[in-house]
Amino acid sequence: MRATGLDGEIGKTYTARQGAALGRDGRIEVKIEGEDVTIGGHAVTAVNGMISI
């Protein structure tokens, strides 16, 4: 957001969500505070397992 100049257009906080229609609501939040960028959020596990190669 900062590199493209979008922080001035959309603000210092951005939240994205997807999966609500499937019952797997997930979201992330991006915060810009000075030189610090914080990314966090909530997610729902859709698939769990192990792959052996």
N, C-alpha and C. Protein backbone atom coordinates (compact mmCIF):
# COMPACT_ATOMS: atom_id res chain seq x y z
N MET A 1 0.84 -1.18 0.00
CA MET A 1 0.00 0.00 0.00
C MET A 1 0.88 1.24 0.00
N ARG A 2 1.91 1.20 0.81
CA ARG A 2 2.80 2.36 0.89
C ARG A 2 3.56 2.54 -0.42
N ALA A 3 4.09 1.47 -0.98
CA ALA A 3 4.91 1.54 -2.20
C ALA A 3 4.12 2.06 -3.39
N THR A 4 2.83 1.76 -3.44
CA THR A 4 2.00 2.20 -4.56
C THR A 4 1.27 3.51 -4.29
N GLY A 5 1.38 4.01 -3.05
CA GLY A 5 0.71 5.25 -2.70
C GLY A 5 -0.74 5.06 -2.29
N LEU A 6 -1.20 3.81 -2.19
CA LEU A 6 -2.59 3.56 -1.83
C LEU A 6 -2.90 3.88 -0.38
N ASP A 7 -1.88 3.94 0.49
CA ASP A 7 -2.17 4.25 1.89
C ASP A 7 -2.79 5.64 2.02
N GLY A 8 -2.44 6.56 1.16
CA GLY A 8 -3.06 7.88 1.18
C GLY A 8 -4.49 7.85 0.66
N GLU A 9 -4.79 6.88 -0.21
CA GLU A 9 -6.11 6.77 -0.82
C GLU A 9 -7.09 5.98 0.04
N ILE A 10 -6.63 4.87 0.64
CA ILE A 10 -7.55 4.01 1.40
C ILE A 10 -7.31 4.06 2.90
N GLY A 11 -6.32 4.80 3.34
CA GLY A 11 -6.06 4.92 4.77
C GLY A 11 -4.92 4.03 5.22
N LYS A 12 -4.68 4.02 6.50
CA LYS A 12 -3.55 3.28 7.09
C LYS A 12 -3.94 1.87 7.53
N THR A 13 -5.22 1.52 7.41
CA THR A 13 -5.69 0.19 7.78
C THR A 13 -6.53 -0.37 6.65
N TYR A 14 -6.29 -1.64 6.32
CA TYR A 14 -7.04 -2.30 5.25
C TYR A 14 -7.45 -3.68 5.74
N THR A 15 -8.72 -4.05 5.55
CA THR A 15 -9.21 -5.36 5.93
C THR A 15 -9.77 -6.06 4.70
N ALA A 16 -9.36 -7.31 4.49
CA ALA A 16 -9.87 -8.12 3.38
C ALA A 16 -10.54 -9.35 3.95
N ARG A 17 -11.68 -9.74 3.35
CA ARG A 17 -12.42 -10.92 3.80
C ARG A 17 -12.76 -11.79 2.61
N GLN A 18 -12.82 -13.08 2.84
CA GLN A 18 -13.30 -14.00 1.81
C GLN A 18 -13.77 -15.28 2.48
N GLY A 19 -14.62 -16.02 1.79
CA GLY A 19 -15.06 -17.33 2.26
C GLY A 19 -16.35 -17.35 3.06
N ALA A 20 -16.97 -16.21 3.34
CA ALA A 20 -18.18 -16.17 4.16
C ALA A 20 -19.32 -16.97 3.52
N ALA A 21 -19.46 -16.90 2.21
CA ALA A 21 -20.54 -17.61 1.52
C ALA A 21 -20.40 -19.12 1.64
N LEU A 22 -19.19 -19.60 1.89
CA LEU A 22 -18.93 -21.03 2.03
C LEU A 22 -18.89 -21.48 3.48
N GLY A 23 -19.17 -20.55 4.40
CA GLY A 23 -19.12 -20.88 5.82
C GLY A 23 -17.70 -20.95 6.35
N ARG A 24 -16.75 -20.39 5.62
CA ARG A 24 -15.34 -20.41 6.02
C ARG A 24 -14.81 -18.98 6.00
N ASP A 25 -15.43 -18.16 6.83
CA ASP A 25 -15.11 -16.73 6.85
C ASP A 25 -13.68 -16.50 7.33
N GLY A 26 -12.88 -15.90 6.50
CA GLY A 26 -11.51 -15.55 6.86
C GLY A 26 -11.26 -14.08 6.57
N ARG A 27 -10.39 -13.47 7.34
CA ARG A 27 -10.08 -12.06 7.09
C ARG A 27 -8.66 -11.76 7.54
N ILE A 28 -8.06 -10.79 6.89
CA ILE A 28 -6.76 -10.29 7.30
C ILE A 28 -6.85 -8.78 7.42
N GLU A 29 -6.04 -8.24 8.30
CA GLU A 29 -5.99 -6.79 8.48
C GLU A 29 -4.55 -6.34 8.34
N VAL A 30 -4.34 -5.31 7.56
CA VAL A 30 -3.02 -4.71 7.36
C VAL A 30 -3.05 -3.32 7.97
N LYS A 31 -2.09 -3.03 8.86
CA LYS A 31 -1.99 -1.71 9.49
C LYS A 31 -0.62 -1.12 9.21
N ILE A 32 -0.59 0.15 8.83
CA ILE A 32 0.66 0.87 8.63
C ILE A 32 0.76 1.94 9.70
N GLU A 33 1.82 1.85 10.50
CA GLU A 33 2.07 2.84 11.55
C GLU A 33 3.52 3.29 11.43
N GLY A 34 3.74 4.44 10.82
CA GLY A 34 5.11 4.92 10.61
C GLY A 34 5.85 3.99 9.68
N GLU A 35 6.96 3.44 10.16
CA GLU A 35 7.75 2.49 9.37
C GLU A 35 7.30 1.05 9.59
N ASP A 36 6.40 0.82 10.55
CA ASP A 36 5.96 -0.54 10.89
C ASP A 36 4.74 -0.94 10.08
N VAL A 37 4.72 -2.19 9.63
CA VAL A 37 3.57 -2.78 8.96
C VAL A 37 3.20 -4.04 9.73
N THR A 38 1.94 -4.14 10.16
CA THR A 38 1.46 -5.29 10.91
C THR A 38 0.40 -5.99 10.08
N ILE A 39 0.52 -7.32 9.97
CA ILE A 39 -0.47 -8.12 9.25
C ILE A 39 -0.98 -9.17 10.22
N GLY A 40 -2.30 -9.27 10.35
CA GLY A 40 -2.88 -10.25 11.26
C GLY A 40 -4.31 -10.54 10.84
N GLY A 41 -4.96 -11.41 11.56
CA GLY A 41 -6.34 -11.69 11.23
C GLY A 41 -6.84 -12.99 11.78
N HIS A 42 -7.93 -13.46 11.19
CA HIS A 42 -8.63 -14.65 11.63
C HIS A 42 -8.82 -15.55 10.41
N ALA A 43 -8.65 -16.83 10.59
CA ALA A 43 -8.84 -17.78 9.50
C ALA A 43 -9.51 -19.04 10.02
N VAL A 44 -10.13 -19.77 9.13
CA VAL A 44 -10.77 -21.04 9.45
C VAL A 44 -10.06 -22.13 8.65
N THR A 45 -9.67 -23.22 9.31
CA THR A 45 -9.00 -24.32 8.62
C THR A 45 -10.00 -25.01 7.70
N ALA A 46 -9.66 -25.09 6.42
CA ALA A 46 -10.52 -25.74 5.44
C ALA A 46 -10.06 -27.17 5.15
N VAL A 47 -8.76 -27.40 5.18
CA VAL A 47 -8.19 -28.71 4.90
C VAL A 47 -7.07 -28.96 5.90
N ASN A 48 -7.02 -30.14 6.44
CA ASN A 48 -5.97 -30.50 7.38
C ASN A 48 -5.46 -31.89 6.99
N GLY A 49 -4.16 -32.07 6.93
CA GLY A 49 -3.64 -33.38 6.58
C GLY A 49 -2.13 -33.36 6.47
N MET A 50 -1.58 -34.46 5.90
CA MET A 50 -0.14 -34.59 5.74
C MET A 50 0.14 -35.14 4.35
N ILE A 51 1.21 -34.65 3.73
CA ILE A 51 1.64 -35.14 2.42
C ILE A 51 3.02 -35.74 2.58
N SER A 52 3.19 -36.97 2.12
CA SER A 52 4.51 -37.62 2.13
C SER A 52 5.06 -37.63 0.71
N ILE A 53 6.30 -37.17 0.58
CA ILE A 53 6.94 -37.14 -0.74
C ILE A 53 8.14 -38.06 -0.73
